[in-house]
C-alpha atoms as a PDB file:
ATOM      1  CA  UNK A   1      -4.295  35.213  -9.420  1.00  0.00           C
ATOM      2  CA  UNK A   2      -4.748  35.328  -5.653  1.00  0.00           C
ATOM      3  CA  UNK A   3      -7.260  32.518  -5.890  1.00  0.00           C
ATOM      4  CA  UNK A   4      -4.782  30.403  -7.838  1.00  0.00           C
ATOM      5  CA  UNK A   5      -2.111  31.038  -5.195  1.00  0.00           C
ATOM      6  CA  UNK A   6      -4.495  30.080  -2.396  1.00  0.00           C
ATOM      7  CA  UNK A   7      -5.405  26.872  -4.252  1.00  0.00           C
ATOM      8  CA  UNK A   8      -1.744  25.958  -4.772  1.00  0.00           C
ATOM      9  CA  UNK A   9      -0.937  26.576  -1.100  1.00  0.00           C
ATOM     10  CA  UNK A  10      -3.932  24.459  -0.025  1.00  0.00           C
ATOM     11  CA  UNK A  11      -2.816  21.625  -2.281  1.00  0.00           C
ATOM     12  CA  UNK A  12       0.737  21.757  -0.946  1.00  0.00           C
ATOM     13  CA  UNK A  13      -0.568  21.691   2.636  1.00  0.00           C
ATOM     14  CA  UNK A  14      -2.730  18.657   1.856  1.00  0.00           C
ATOM     15  CA  UNK A  15       0.124  16.596   0.388  1.00  0.00           C
ATOM     16  CA  UNK A  16       1.649  15.524   3.765  1.00  0.00           C
ATOM     17  CA  UNK A  17      -1.750  14.397   5.051  1.00  0.00           C
ATOM     18  CA  UNK A  18      -2.411  12.344   1.904  1.00  0.00           C
ATOM     19  CA  UNK A  19       1.039  10.784   2.009  1.00  0.00           C
ATOM     20  CA  UNK A  20       0.563   9.848   5.671  1.00  0.00           C
ATOM     21  CA  UNK A  21      -2.590   7.790   4.975  1.00  0.00           C
ATOM     22  CA  UNK A  22      -0.729   4.618   3.899  1.00  0.00           C
ATOM     23  CA  UNK A  23       1.484   4.879   6.996  1.00  0.00           C
ATOM     24  CA  UNK A  24      -1.553   5.211   9.255  1.00  0.00           C
ATOM     25  CA  UNK A  25      -3.228   2.213   7.598  1.00  0.00           C
ATOM     26  CA  UNK A  26      -0.045   0.165   7.909  1.00  0.00           C
ATOM     27  CA  UNK A  27       0.253   1.064  11.594  1.00  0.00           C
ATOM     28  CA  UNK A  28      -3.352   0.010  12.209  1.00  0.00           C
ATOM     29  CA  UNK A  29      -2.798  -3.285  10.409  1.00  0.00           C
ATOM     30  CA  UNK A  30       0.341  -3.935  12.460  1.00  0.00           C
ATOM     31  CA  UNK A  31      -1.547  -3.179  15.675  1.00  0.00           C
ATOM     32  CA  UNK A  32      -4.328  -5.566  14.656  1.00  0.00           C
ATOM     33  CA  UNK A  33      -1.824  -8.290  13.769  1.00  0.00           C
ATOM     34  CA  UNK A  34      -0.004  -7.870  17.082  1.00  0.00           C
ATOM     35  CA  UNK A  35      -3.240  -8.164  19.043  1.00  0.00           C
ATOM     36  CA  UNK A  36      -4.274 -11.208  17.020  1.00  0.00           C
ATOM     37  CA  UNK A  37      -0.956 -12.852  17.872  1.00  0.00           C
ATOM     38  CA  UNK A  38      -1.392 -11.961  21.536  1.00  0.00           C
ATOM     39  CA  UNK A  39      -4.886 -13.454  21.659  1.00  0.00           C
ATOM     40  CA  UNK A  40      -3.795 -16.579  19.806  1.00  0.00           C
ATOM     41  CA  UNK A  41      -1.222 -16.977  22.564  1.00  0.00           C
ATOM     42  CA  UNK A  42      -3.990 -16.527  25.154  1.00  0.00           C
ATOM     43  CA  UNK A  43      -6.100 -19.105  23.301  1.00  0.00           C
ATOM     44  CA  UNK A  44      -3.277 -21.642  23.449  1.00  0.00           C
ATOM     45  CA  UNK A  45      -2.690 -20.970  27.142  1.00  0.00           C
ATOM     46  CA  UNK A  46      -6.432 -21.377  27.757  1.00  0.00           C
ATOM     47  CA  UNK A  47      -6.460 -24.788  26.053  1.00  0.00           C
ATOM     48  CA  UNK A  48      -2.989 -25.854  27.259  1.00  0.00           C
ATOM     49  CA  UNK A  49      -1.828 -26.300  23.678  1.00  0.00           C
ATOM     50  CA  UNK A  50       1.311 -25.491  21.703  1.00  0.00           C
ATOM     51  CA  UNK A  51       4.113 -24.312  24.009  1.00  0.00           C
ATOM     52  CA  UNK A  52       1.729 -24.443  26.978  1.00  0.00           C
ATOM     53  CA  UNK A  53       1.017 -28.180  27.106  1.00  0.00           C
ATOM     54  CA  UNK A  54       1.062 -29.551  30.636  1.00  0.00           C
ATOM     55  CA  UNK A  55      -0.346 -32.478  32.642  1.00  0.00           C
ATOM     56  CA  UNK A  56      -4.141 -32.456  32.788  1.00  0.00           C
ATOM     57  CA  UNK A  57      -4.441 -31.644  36.513  1.00  0.00           C
ATOM     58  CA  UNK A  58      -2.036 -28.720  36.166  1.00  0.00           C
ATOM     59  CA  UNK A  59      -3.982 -27.475  33.165  1.00  0.00           C
ATOM     60  CA  UNK A  60      -7.270 -27.454  35.106  1.00  0.00           C
ATOM     61  CA  UNK A  61      -5.631 -25.637  38.008  1.00  0.00           C
ATOM     62  CA  UNK A  62      -4.181 -23.064  35.619  1.00  0.00           C
ATOM     63  CA  UNK A  63      -7.549 -22.469  33.932  1.00  0.00           C
ATOM     64  CA  UNK A  64      -9.261 -21.977  37.296  1.00  0.00           C
ATOM     65  CA  UNK A  65      -7.061 -18.925  37.804  1.00  0.00           C
ATOM     66  CA  UNK A  66      -6.779 -17.806  34.169  1.00  0.00           C
ATOM     67  CA  UNK A  67     -10.503 -17.580  33.384  1.00  0.00           C
ATOM     68  CA  UNK A  68     -12.134 -14.340  34.535  1.00  0.00           C
ATOM     69  CA  UNK A  69     -14.652 -14.710  37.371  1.00  0.00           C
ATOM     70  CA  UNK A  70     -17.617 -14.281  35.010  1.00  0.00           C
ATOM     71  CA  UNK A  71     -16.359 -16.885  32.543  1.00  0.00           C
ATOM     72  CA  UNK A  72     -18.898 -19.237  30.952  1.00  0.00           C
ATOM     73  CA  UNK A  73     -19.016 -21.619  28.029  1.00  0.00           C
ATOM     74  CA  UNK A  74     -21.629 -23.285  25.878  1.00  0.00           C
ATOM     75  CA  UNK A  75     -20.023 -26.588  24.989  1.00  0.00           C
ATOM     76  CA  UNK A  76     -20.419 -28.525  21.766  1.00  0.00           C
ATOM     77  CA  UNK A  77     -23.240 -30.653  23.177  1.00  0.00           C
ATOM     78  CA  UNK A  78     -25.228 -27.517  24.084  1.00  0.00           C
ATOM     79  CA  UNK A  79     -24.252 -27.590  27.757  1.00  0.00           C
ATOM     80  CA  UNK A  80     -24.073 -24.199  29.488  1.00  0.00           C
ATOM     81  CA  UNK A  81     -21.496 -24.072  32.269  1.00  0.00           C
ATOM     82  CA  UNK A  82     -20.103 -21.213  34.333  1.00  0.00           C
ATOM     83  CA  UNK A  83     -16.583 -21.065  35.741  1.00  0.00           C
ATOM     84  CA  UNK A  84     -17.490 -22.918  38.935  1.00  0.00           C
ATOM     85  CA  UNK A  85     -19.089 -25.781  36.990  1.00  0.00           C
ATOM     86  CA  UNK A  86     -16.279 -25.926  34.445  1.00  0.00           C
ATOM     87  CA  UNK A  87     -13.652 -26.256  37.155  1.00  0.00           C
ATOM     88  CA  UNK A  88     -15.711 -28.855  39.056  1.00  0.00           C
ATOM     89  CA  UNK A  89     -16.382 -31.080  36.034  1.00  0.00           C
ATOM     90  CA  UNK A  90     -12.832 -30.857  34.733  1.00  0.00           C
ATOM     91  CA  UNK A  91     -11.369 -31.528  38.183  1.00  0.00           C
ATOM     92  CA  UNK A  92     -13.504 -34.670  38.463  1.00  0.00           C
ATOM     93  CA  UNK A  93     -12.253 -36.003  35.115  1.00  0.00           C
ATOM     94  CA  UNK A  94      -9.075 -38.010  34.643  1.00  0.00           C
ATOM     95  CA  UNK A  95      -8.457 -38.402  30.897  1.00  0.00           C
ATOM     96  CA  UNK A  96      -5.510 -40.359  29.569  1.00  0.00           C
ATOM     97  CA  UNK A  97      -2.565 -38.441  28.154  1.00  0.00           C
ATOM     98  CA  UNK A  98      -3.347 -37.196  24.665  1.00  0.00           C
ATOM     99  CA  UNK A  99      -7.062 -36.569  25.233  1.00  0.00           C
ATOM    100  CA  UNK A 100      -7.323 -32.799  24.881  1.00  0.00           C
ATOM    101  CA  UNK A 101      -8.389 -29.956  22.571  1.00  0.00           C
ATOM    102  CA  UNK A 102      -6.298 -28.904  19.572  1.00  0.00           C
ATOM    103  CA  UNK A 103      -7.075 -25.291  18.525  1.00  0.00           C
ATOM    104  CA  UNK A 104      -6.079 -23.865  15.130  1.00  0.00           C
ATOM    105  CA  UNK A 105      -6.935 -21.174  12.562  1.00  0.00           C
ATOM    106  CA  UNK A 106      -7.429 -18.404  15.118  1.00  0.00           C
ATOM    107  CA  UNK A 107      -8.756 -15.093  13.762  1.00  0.00           C
ATOM    108  CA  UNK A 108      -9.400 -11.813  15.540  1.00  0.00           C
ATOM    109  CA  UNK A 109     -12.822 -10.570  14.423  1.00  0.00           C
ATOM    110  CA  UNK A 110     -13.578  -7.405  16.421  1.00  0.00           C
ATOM    111  CA  UNK A 111     -12.385  -5.298  19.349  1.00  0.00           C
ATOM    112  CA  UNK A 112     -14.611  -3.190  21.596  1.00  0.00           C
ATOM    113  CA  UNK A 113     -12.458  -1.410  24.158  1.00  0.00           C
ATOM    114  CA  UNK A 114     -11.230  -4.059  26.588  1.00  0.00           C
ATOM    115  CA  UNK A 115     -13.214  -6.874  24.974  1.00  0.00           C
ATOM    116  CA  UNK A 116     -12.028  -8.784  21.906  1.00  0.00           C
ATOM    117  CA  UNK A 117     -13.870 -11.385  19.828  1.00  0.00           C
ATOM    118  CA  UNK A 118     -12.190 -14.151  17.875  1.00  0.00           C
ATOM    119  CA  UNK A 119     -12.883 -17.488  16.227  1.00  0.00           C
ATOM    120  CA  UNK A 120     -10.959 -20.725  15.883  1.00  0.00           C
ATOM    121  CA  UNK A 121     -11.370 -24.371  14.914  1.00  0.00           C
ATOM    122  CA  UNK A 122     -10.798 -26.787  17.783  1.00  0.00           C
ATOM    123  CA  UNK A 123     -10.464 -30.530  17.260  1.00  0.00           C
ATOM    124  CA  UNK A 124     -10.835 -33.038  20.098  1.00  0.00           C
ATOM    125  CA  UNK A 125      -9.309 -36.443  20.693  1.00  0.00           C
ATOM    126  CA  UNK A 126     -11.085 -39.248  22.591  1.00  0.00           C
ATOM    127  CA  UNK A 127      -9.712 -42.469  24.062  1.00  0.00           C
ATOM    128  CA  UNK A 128     -11.133 -45.638  22.480  1.00  0.00           C
ATOM    129  CA  UNK A 129     -11.572 -49.003  24.246  1.00  0.00           C
ATOM    130  CA  UNK A 130      -8.851 -50.419  21.994  1.00  0.00           C
ATOM    131  CA  UNK A 131      -6.352 -47.927  23.399  1.00  0.00           C
ATOM    132  CA  UNK A 132      -6.232 -45.613  20.394  1.00  0.00           C
ATOM    133  CA  UNK A 133      -6.761 -41.845  20.763  1.00  0.00           C
ATOM    134  CA  UNK A 134      -8.187 -40.565  17.464  1.00  0.00           C
ATOM    135  CA  UNK A 135      -9.694 -37.204  16.613  1.00  0.00           C
ATOM    136  CA  UNK A 136     -13.433 -37.675  17.129  1.00  0.00           C
ATOM    137  CA  UNK A 137     -15.041 -34.235  17.070  1.00  0.00           C
ATOM    138  CA  UNK A 138     -14.497 -30.721  15.779  1.00  0.00           C
ATOM    139  CA  UNK A 139     -15.969 -27.356  16.731  1.00  0.00           C
ATOM    140  CA  UNK A 140     -16.019 -23.907  15.151  1.00  0.00           C
ATOM    141  CA  UNK A 141     -15.621 -21.657  18.185  1.00  0.00           C
ATOM    142  CA  UNK A 142     -16.517 -18.136  19.213  1.00  0.00           C
ATOM    143  CA  UNK A 143     -13.881 -16.965  21.715  1.00  0.00           C
ATOM    144  CA  UNK A 144     -14.370 -13.888  23.915  1.00  0.00           C
ATOM    145  CA  UNK A 145     -11.482 -12.198  25.715  1.00  0.00           C
ATOM    146  CA  UNK A 146     -11.421  -9.349  28.236  1.00  0.00           C
ATOM    147  CA  UNK A 147      -8.475  -7.201  29.267  1.00  0.00           C
ATOM    148  CA  UNK A 148      -8.177  -6.793  33.023  1.00  0.00           C
ATOM    149  CA  UNK A 149      -5.303  -4.884  34.630  1.00  0.00           C
ATOM    150  CA  UNK A 150      -3.585  -4.821  31.255  1.00  0.00           C
ATOM    151  CA  UNK A 151      -3.760  -8.600  30.759  1.00  0.00           C
ATOM    152  CA  UNK A 152      -6.008 -10.374  28.223  1.00  0.00           C
ATOM    153  CA  UNK A 153      -7.904 -13.342  29.685  1.00  0.00           C
ATOM    154  CA  UNK A 154     -10.653 -15.735  28.491  1.00  0.00           C
ATOM    155  CA  UNK A 155     -14.195 -14.507  29.216  1.00  0.00           C
ATOM    156  CA  UNK A 156     -16.526 -16.863  27.303  1.00  0.00           C
ATOM    157  CA  UNK A 157     -16.767 -19.409  24.507  1.00  0.00           C
ATOM    158  CA  UNK A 158     -19.355 -21.014  22.260  1.00  0.00           C
ATOM    159  CA  UNK A 159     -18.364 -24.290  20.582  1.00  0.00           C
ATOM    160  CA  UNK A 160     -20.472 -24.884  17.472  1.00  0.00           C
ATOM    161  CA  UNK A 161     -19.989 -28.549  16.459  1.00  0.00           C
ATOM    162  CA  UNK A 162     -18.874 -29.368  12.944  1.00  0.00           C
ATOM    163  CA  UNK A 163     -18.454 -33.016  13.945  1.00  0.00           C
ATOM    164  CA  UNK A 164     -20.689 -33.786  16.915  1.00  0.00           C
ATOM    165  CA  UNK A 165     -19.090 -34.897  20.189  1.00  0.00           C
ATOM    166  CA  UNK A 166     -19.665 -38.281  21.801  1.00  0.00           C
ATOM    167  CA  UNK A 167     -22.800 -38.824  23.850  1.00  0.00           C
ATOM    168  CA  UNK A 168     -20.787 -38.808  27.085  1.00  0.00           C
ATOM    169  CA  UNK A 169     -20.308 -35.056  26.663  1.00  0.00           C
ATOM    170  CA  UNK A 170     -24.025 -34.284  26.902  1.00  0.00           C
ATOM    171  CA  UNK A 171     -24.491 -33.323  30.535  1.00  0.00           C
ATOM    172  CA  UNK A 172     -26.365 -30.142  31.329  1.00  0.00           C
ATOM    173  CA  UNK A 173     -25.276 -27.982  34.276  1.00  0.00           C
ATOM    174  CA  UNK A 174     -26.886 -24.702  33.350  1.00  0.00           C
ATOM    175  CA  UNK A 175     -24.709 -22.143  35.185  1.00  0.00           C
ATOM    176  CA  UNK A 176     -26.988 -22.559  38.200  1.00  0.00           C
ATOM    177  CA  UNK A 177     -24.997 -20.285  40.517  1.00  0.00           C
ATOM    178  CA  UNK A 178     -24.698 -17.392  38.027  1.00  0.00           C
ATOM    179  CA  UNK A 179     -26.817 -14.391  39.025  1.00  0.00           C
ATOM    180  CA  UNK A 180     -27.760 -11.531  36.738  1.00  0.00           C
ATOM    181  CA  UNK A 181     -25.211  -8.722  37.067  1.00  0.00           C
ATOM    182  CA  UNK A 182     -27.852  -6.137  36.100  1.00  0.00           C
ATOM    183  CA  UNK A 183     -31.545  -7.083  36.085  1.00  0.00           C
ATOM    184  CA  UNK A 184     -32.653  -3.862  34.374  1.00  0.00           C
ATOM    185  CA  UNK A 185     -30.150  -4.349  31.567  1.00  0.00           C
ATOM    186  CA  UNK A 186     -31.088  -8.011  31.322  1.00  0.00           C
ATOM    187  CA  UNK A 187     -34.701  -7.054  30.661  1.00  0.00           C
ATOM    188  CA  UNK A 188     -33.659  -4.453  28.059  1.00  0.00           C
ATOM    189  CA  UNK A 189     -31.436  -6.891  26.184  1.00  0.00           C
ATOM    190  CA  UNK A 190     -34.056  -9.646  26.368  1.00  0.00           C
ATOM    191  CA  UNK A 191     -36.472  -7.325  24.564  1.00  0.00           C
ATOM    192  CA  UNK A 192     -33.828  -6.620  21.898  1.00  0.00           C
ATOM    193  CA  UNK A 193     -33.332 -10.376  21.559  1.00  0.00           C
ATOM    194  CA  UNK A 194     -37.043 -10.866  20.826  1.00  0.00           C
ATOM    195  CA  UNK A 195     -37.104  -8.003  18.292  1.00  0.00           C
ATOM    196  CA  UNK A 196     -34.042  -9.506  16.642  1.00  0.00           C
ATOM    197  CA  UNK A 197     -35.695 -12.894  16.145  1.00  0.00           C
ATOM    198  CA  UNK A 198     -38.912 -11.260  14.936  1.00  0.00           C
ATOM    199  CA  UNK A 199     -36.902  -9.272  12.371  1.00  0.00           C
ATOM    200  CA  UNK A 200     -35.234 -12.451  11.108  1.00  0.00           C
ATOM    201  CA  UNK A 201     -38.567 -14.289  10.814  1.00  0.00           C
ATOM    202  CA  UNK A 202     -40.182 -11.400   8.929  1.00  0.00           C
ATOM    203  CA  UNK A 203     -37.095 -10.415   6.869  1.00  0.00           C
ATOM    204  CA  UNK A 204     -36.905  -6.875   8.279  1.00  0.00           C
ATOM    205  CA  UNK A 205     -33.425  -6.254   6.938  1.00  0.00           C
ATOM    206  CA  UNK A 206     -33.571  -2.482   7.513  1.00  0.00           C
ATOM    207  CA  UNK A 207     -34.004  -3.095  11.234  1.00  0.00           C
ATOM    208  CA  UNK A 208     -31.239  -5.707  11.298  1.00  0.00           C
ATOM    209  CA  UNK A 209     -28.897  -3.383   9.429  1.00  0.00           C
ATOM    210  CA  UNK A 210     -29.249  -0.849  12.240  1.00  0.00           C
ATOM    211  CA  UNK A 211     -29.228  -3.396  15.066  1.00  0.00           C
ATOM    212  CA  UNK A 212     -26.114  -5.304  13.983  1.00  0.00           C
ATOM    213  CA  UNK A 213     -22.778  -3.676  14.794  1.00  0.00           C
ATOM    214  CA  UNK A 214     -20.630  -3.062  11.713  1.00  0.00           C
ATOM    215  CA  UNK A 215     -18.320  -5.971  12.569  1.00  0.00           C
ATOM    216  CA  UNK A 216     -21.160  -8.293  13.632  1.00  0.00           C
ATOM    217  CA  UNK A 217     -20.674 -11.970  12.886  1.00  0.00           C
ATOM    218  CA  UNK A 218     -22.149 -15.309  13.856  1.00  0.00           C
ATOM    219  CA  UNK A 219     -21.513 -19.048  13.776  1.00  0.00           C
ATOM    220  CA  UNK A 220     -24.675 -21.154  13.609  1.00  0.00           C
ATOM    221  CA  UNK A 221     -25.188 -24.892  13.901  1.00  0.00           C
ATOM    222  CA  UNK A 222     -26.977 -25.346  10.572  1.00  0.00           C
ATOM    223  CA  UNK A 223     -24.028 -23.747   8.701  1.00  0.00           C
ATOM    224  CA  UNK A 224     -21.212 -24.595  11.139  1.00  0.00           C
ATOM    225  CA  UNK A 225     -18.223 -24.220   8.830  1.00  0.00           C
ATOM    226  CA  UNK A 226     -18.983 -20.594   7.893  1.00  0.00           C
ATOM    227  CA  UNK A 227     -18.519 -17.353   9.817  1.00  0.00           C
ATOM    228  CA  UNK A 228     -21.372 -15.173   8.606  1.00  0.00           C
ATOM    229  CA  UNK A 229     -20.588 -11.447   8.536  1.00  0.00           C
ATOM    230  CA  UNK A 230     -23.128  -8.622   8.402  1.00  0.00           C
ATOM    231  CA  UNK A 231     -23.491  -8.313   4.582  1.00  0.00           C
ATOM    232  CA  UNK A 232     -23.720 -12.107   4.180  1.00  0.00           C
ATOM    233  CA  UNK A 233     -26.389 -12.405   6.864  1.00  0.00           C
ATOM    234  CA  UNK A 234     -28.514  -9.531   5.541  1.00  0.00           C
ATOM    235  CA  UNK A 235     -28.425 -11.052   2.063  1.00  0.00           C
ATOM    236  CA  UNK A 236     -29.419 -14.435   3.483  1.00  0.00           C
ATOM    237  CA  UNK A 237     -32.301 -13.043   5.571  1.00  0.00           C
ATOM    238  CA  UNK A 238     -33.636 -11.100   2.585  1.00  0.00           C
ATOM    239  CA  UNK A 239     -34.167 -14.403   0.760  1.00  0.00           C
ATOM    240  CA  UNK A 240     -35.676 -16.394   3.613  1.00  0.00           C
ATOM    241  CA  UNK A 241     -39.203 -17.544   2.966  1.00  0.00           C
ATOM    242  CA  UNK A 242     -40.488 -18.952   6.216  1.00  0.00           C
ATOM    243  CA  UNK A 243     -43.879 -20.616   6.172  1.00  0.00           C
ATOM    244  CA  UNK A 244     -46.368 -20.066   9.027  1.00  0.00           C
ATOM    245  CA  UNK A 245     -44.912 -21.565  12.213  1.00  0.00           C
ATOM    246  CA  UNK A 246     -41.353 -21.633  10.896  1.00  0.00           C
ATOM    247  CA  UNK A 247     -38.401 -19.513  12.021  1.00  0.00           C
ATOM    248  CA  UNK A 248     -36.209 -18.883  15.033  1.00  0.00           C
ATOM    249  CA  UNK A 249     -37.841 -18.418  18.432  1.00  0.00           C
ATOM    250  CA  UNK A 250     -35.923 -17.303  21.541  1.00  0.00           C
ATOM    251  CA  UNK A 251     -36.623 -17.733  25.248  1.00  0.00           C
ATOM    252  CA  UNK A 252     -34.728 -18.333  28.524  1.00  0.00           C
ATOM    253  CA  UNK A 253     -32.628 -15.198  28.052  1.00  0.00           C
ATOM    254  CA  UNK A 254     -29.920 -14.690  30.678  1.00  0.00           C
ATOM    255  CA  UNK A 255     -27.426 -11.882  31.108  1.00  0.00           C
ATOM    256  CA  UNK A 256     -24.189 -13.561  32.191  1.00  0.00           C
ATOM    257  CA  UNK A 257     -21.620 -10.755  32.527  1.00  0.00           C
ATOM    258  CA  UNK A 258     -20.994  -7.104  31.695  1.00  0.00           C
ATOM    259  CA  UNK A 259     -17.657  -5.480  30.857  1.00  0.00           C
ATOM    260  CA  UNK A 260     -18.196  -1.748  30.382  1.00  0.00           C
ATOM    261  CA  UNK A 261     -20.097  -1.273  27.126  1.00  0.00           C
ATOM    262  CA  UNK A 262     -20.055  -4.982  26.273  1.00  0.00           C
ATOM    263  CA  UNK A 263     -22.588  -7.477  27.633  1.00  0.00           C
ATOM    264  CA  UNK A 264     -22.407 -11.273  27.335  1.00  0.00           C
ATOM    265  CA  UNK A 265     -25.592 -13.304  27.452  1.00  0.00           C
ATOM    266  CA  UNK A 266     -27.220 -16.576  26.466  1.00  0.00           C
ATOM    267  CA  UNK A 267     -30.651 -17.765  25.422  1.00  0.00           C
ATOM    268  CA  UNK A 268     -32.393 -20.867  24.149  1.00  0.00           C
ATOM    269  CA  UNK A 269     -33.134 -20.560  20.446  1.00  0.00           C
ATOM    270  CA  UNK A 270     -35.546 -23.007  18.816  1.00  0.00           C
ATOM    271  CA  UNK A 271     -35.285 -23.404  15.061  1.00  0.00           C
ATOM    272  CA  UNK A 272     -38.588 -24.549  13.556  1.00  0.00           C
ATOM    273  CA  UNK A 273     -38.567 -25.821   9.964  1.00  0.00           C
ATOM    274  CA  UNK A 274     -41.160 -27.892   8.083  1.00  0.00           C
ATOM    275  CA  UNK A 275     -39.952 -31.272   6.816  1.00  0.00           C
ATOM    276  CA  UNK A 276     -40.838 -32.826   3.452  1.00  0.00           C
ATOM    277  CA  UNK A 277     -44.248 -33.850   4.820  1.00  0.00           C
ATOM    278  CA  UNK A 278     -45.048 -30.363   6.067  1.00  0.00           C
ATOM    279  CA  UNK A 279     -44.534 -31.253   9.726  1.00  0.00           C
ATOM    280  CA  UNK A 280     -42.762 -28.598  11.822  1.00  0.00           C
ATOM    281  CA  UNK A 281     -39.528 -29.985  13.280  1.00  0.00           C
ATOM    282  CA  UNK A 282     -38.127 -28.098  16.273  1.00  0.00           C
ATOM    283  CA  UNK A 283     -34.401 -28.081  17.025  1.00  0.00           C
ATOM    284  CA  UNK A 284     -33.318 -26.381  20.283  1.00  0.00           C
ATOM    285  CA  UNK A 285     -30.047 -24.472  20.540  1.00  0.00           C
ATOM    286  CA  UNK A 286     -28.158 -22.727  23.317  1.00  0.00           C
ATOM    287  CA  UNK A 287     -26.374 -19.499  22.357  1.00  0.00           C
ATOM    288  CA  UNK A 288     -23.559 -17.200  23.333  1.00  0.00           C
ATOM    289  CA  UNK A 289     -24.617 -13.610  22.619  1.00  0.00           C
ATOM    290  CA  UNK A 290     -22.432 -10.493  22.569  1.00  0.00           C
ATOM    291  CA  UNK A 291     -23.977  -7.013  22.776  1.00  0.00           C
ATOM    292  CA  UNK A 292     -22.092  -3.706  22.475  1.00  0.00           C
ATOM    293  CA  UNK A 293     -23.284  -0.218  23.381  1.00  0.00           C
ATOM    294  CA  UNK A 294     -22.513   2.307  20.656  1.00  0.00           C
ATOM    295  CA  UNK A 295     -23.590   5.961  20.904  1.00  0.00           C
ATOM    296  CA  UNK A 296     -25.988   5.069  23.707  1.00  0.00           C
ATOM    297  CA  UNK A 297     -27.658   2.206  21.819  1.00  0.00           C
ATOM    298  CA  UNK A 298     -27.210  -1.499  22.477  1.00  0.00           C
ATOM    299  CA  UNK A 299     -26.445  -3.502  19.350  1.00  0.00           C
ATOM    300  CA  UNK A 300     -25.676  -7.136  18.632  1.00  0.00           C
ATOM    301  CA  UNK A 301     -21.950  -7.722  18.048  1.00  0.00           C
ATOM    302  CA  UNK A 302     -21.762 -11.517  17.642  1.00  0.00           C
ATOM    303  CA  UNK A 303     -23.452 -14.806  18.419  1.00  0.00           C
ATOM    304  CA  UNK A 304     -22.924 -18.554  18.285  1.00  0.00           C
ATOM    305  CA  UNK A 305     -25.775 -21.090  18.261  1.00  0.00           C
ATOM    306  CA  UNK A 306     -25.023 -24.623  19.500  1.00  0.00           C
ATOM    307  CA  UNK A 307     -27.568 -27.482  19.205  1.00  0.00           C
ATOM    308  CA  UNK A 308     -28.671 -29.031  22.492  1.00  0.00           C
ATOM    309  CA  UNK A 309     -29.220 -32.759  22.817  1.00  0.00           C
ATOM    310  CA  UNK A 310     -30.765 -33.014  26.284  1.00  0.00           C
ATOM    311  CA  UNK A 311     -33.808 -31.277  27.778  1.00  0.00           C
ATOM    312  CA  UNK A 312     -32.818 -28.073  29.567  1.00  0.00           C
END
């Protein structure tokens, strides 16, 4: 009888906790939605779109103060530029009214402390010789935000082209003035980068399962319309059947910035695939890489791979 009473009491005590679960889940969903709305607002401010449209020169001046100091971007032509280069190239331009980016479909993908990762689709208009300003290119973008002094600001971007930009956009700068913020960490992450590519080439899905953060995702140039999540990518890698000489090969790794337990980097990634005649065709890409430190171990949180059109 005493046991029955104890069981009944335990069940009654557990009821409030069980009933509170839906409320906790709803609160978490509301918090996520609020942050997504906040970052969509930041995205529009960044690109001077929506309620934040302004003359081009004012937009460039605003961005020069809005971007964090360690900001960098891999543009849709594969060009790597840091904040200094972005401001310089944009200040030198003088586009006609209407030539600008048009972001849409923003989604918050993951949050790691004061760093948030999102994606959007951004269309671009270009002025034609006949005076028209049509949409000419489209990118699927990785957007990285960092919270500093309580304010979310743009930290990095990778623009994976769905519709390739015009040739005039292919000018390589290379973030020449950016120095490694931590050479020891840069070496450690570069080694992880090489192990990552080796695991993809050899279909070591067990290793990738441990190395990818739970909310890992990527946007890659050869499937630009899709955001691959962790289960999708592991399934895809398991069925890869690379021939000798094929696969993804990384070099030119650079650590660009570090925000607590999140590190942002870039590398050159060459995709080698045999054509119908058996000849290996190499396609170079420039990446944006996001690493996160969880329980003392660095893992990959996200990446975007953008094809390059000029020699780097």
